[in-house]
Amino acid sequence: MLMGDFNYPDIDWSSLHSQSKNGQSLLDSVEDCFLTQHVQDPTRSDSTLDLVFTDEPNMIDKVEIMGKLGKSDHNVLLWTADVKVNSLTDSKRIRDYKKETLKQ
């Protein structure tokens, strides 16, 4: 997950198009890394500047645009990430010298 104020006001995230070279460079990087951008609504005036990227499209269900924080001109973003952790079990063989057999 990658998130922050990316400050590319000319990117149209619905069409994945930008009028500037820098904006197009960010879009190309997002595509090259197979990232999904989850913020669909403007976060500052009419621009979507604050972005949330993941490498799994279903990791975030939706992003809510909340009110402004203090005197900032950006909106607060709220989202829930669906993250699963696989636990690893360490299986090693230990000799039981009393029974002279191997335990697992």
Protein backbone atom coordinates (compact mmCIF):
# COMPACT_ATOMS: atom_id res chain seq x y z
CA MET A 1 0.00 0.00 0.00
CA LEU A 2 1.26 3.43 -0.98
CA MET A 3 -0.60 6.59 -0.01
CA GLY A 4 -0.10 10.32 0.14
CA ASP A 5 -0.48 13.72 -1.52
CA PHE A 6 0.88 13.16 -5.02
CA ASN A 7 -0.07 16.65 -6.29
CA TYR A 8 -0.85 15.78 -9.92
CA PRO A 9 -4.03 17.82 -10.52
CA ASP A 10 -4.05 17.18 -14.27
CA ILE A 11 -4.46 13.38 -14.02
CA ASP A 12 -7.93 12.08 -14.86
CA TRP A 13 -8.03 8.86 -12.87
CA SER A 14 -11.25 7.65 -14.52
CA SER A 15 -9.67 7.65 -17.99
CA LEU A 16 -6.05 7.22 -16.82
CA HIS A 17 -4.94 10.18 -18.91
CA SER A 18 -2.81 13.22 -18.16
CA GLN A 19 -2.06 16.44 -20.03
CA SER A 20 1.43 16.77 -18.49
CA LYS A 21 4.58 14.74 -18.99
CA ASN A 22 5.03 14.29 -15.22
CA GLY A 23 1.45 13.13 -14.77
CA GLN A 24 1.82 10.66 -17.63
CA SER A 25 5.06 9.43 -16.09
CA LEU A 26 3.22 8.66 -12.82
CA LEU A 27 0.45 6.88 -14.74
CA ASP A 28 3.07 4.82 -16.61
CA SER A 29 4.75 3.87 -13.31
CA VAL A 30 1.40 2.86 -11.80
CA GLU A 31 0.70 0.67 -14.82
CA ASP A 32 4.23 -0.82 -14.89
CA CYS A 33 3.91 -1.81 -11.21
CA PHE A 34 0.37 -3.18 -11.65
CA LEU A 35 -1.01 -0.82 -8.98
CA THR A 36 -4.64 0.10 -8.41
CA GLN A 37 -5.51 3.67 -7.40
CA HIS A 38 -8.55 3.60 -5.09
CA VAL A 39 -9.55 7.28 -4.62
CA GLN A 40 -12.35 8.16 -7.04
CA ASP A 41 -13.51 11.57 -5.78
CA PRO A 42 -11.71 14.93 -5.51
CA THR A 43 -9.70 15.44 -2.33
CA ARG A 44 -8.80 19.11 -2.83
CA SER A 45 -11.19 21.43 -4.70
CA ASP A 46 -11.90 19.63 -8.00
CA SER A 47 -8.66 17.62 -8.04
CA THR A 48 -7.85 14.13 -6.81
CA LEU A 49 -4.43 14.77 -5.26
CA ASP A 50 -4.45 12.46 -2.24
CA LEU A 51 -4.12 8.91 -3.53
CA VAL A 52 -4.13 5.34 -2.20
CA PHE A 53 -2.41 2.65 -4.27
CA THR A 54 -2.29 -1.10 -3.69
CA ASP A 55 -0.93 -4.03 -5.66
CA GLU A 56 -4.15 -5.98 -5.02
CA PRO A 57 -7.32 -4.48 -6.56
CA ASN A 58 -9.63 -5.96 -3.89
CA MET A 59 -7.53 -4.93 -0.89
CA ILE A 60 -9.61 -1.76 -0.38
CA ASP A 61 -13.37 -1.80 -0.77
CA LYS A 62 -14.00 1.95 -0.91
CA VAL A 63 -12.42 5.20 0.18
CA GLU A 64 -14.57 7.74 2.02
CA ILE A 65 -13.80 11.44 1.63
CA MET A 66 -14.26 13.03 5.05
CA GLY A 67 -14.16 16.72 5.99
CA LYS A 68 -11.11 18.91 6.16
CA LEU A 69 -8.61 18.49 8.99
CA GLY A 70 -8.02 21.78 10.78
CA LYS A 71 -7.00 24.57 8.40
CA SER A 72 -5.82 22.20 5.65
CA ASP A 73 -7.30 22.56 2.18
CA HIS A 74 -7.18 18.76 1.73
CA ASN A 75 -9.86 16.32 2.86
CA VAL A 76 -9.27 13.43 5.22
CA LEU A 77 -9.50 9.96 3.64
CA LEU A 78 -10.92 6.94 5.44
CA TRP A 79 -10.68 3.37 4.17
CA THR A 80 -10.50 -0.20 5.40
CA ALA A 81 -7.87 -2.55 4.06
CA ASP A 82 -8.60 -6.27 3.79
CA VAL A 83 -5.27 -7.82 4.75
CA LYS A 84 -4.73 -11.47 5.53
CA VAL A 85 -1.66 -12.85 7.25
CA ASN A 86 -0.48 -16.39 6.67
CA SER A 87 1.24 -17.85 9.72
CA LEU A 88 4.16 -20.12 9.16
CA THR A 89 4.75 -23.13 11.35
CA ASP A 90 8.31 -24.15 11.93
CA SER A 91 8.59 -27.90 11.73
CA LYS A 92 11.94 -29.35 12.65
CA ARG A 93 13.00 -32.78 13.72
CA ILE A 94 14.29 -33.28 17.25
CA ARG A 95 15.94 -36.46 18.43
CA ASP A 96 14.46 -37.97 21.60
CA TYR A 97 17.50 -39.64 23.11
CA LYS A 98 15.45 -41.41 25.81
CA LYS A 99 13.42 -43.27 23.21
CA GLU A 100 16.05 -43.18 20.50
CA THR A 101 13.48 -42.19 17.90
CA LEU A 102 12.84 -39.03 15.97
CA LYS A 103 10.00 -36.72 16.95
CA GLN A 104 8.31 -34.24 14.63
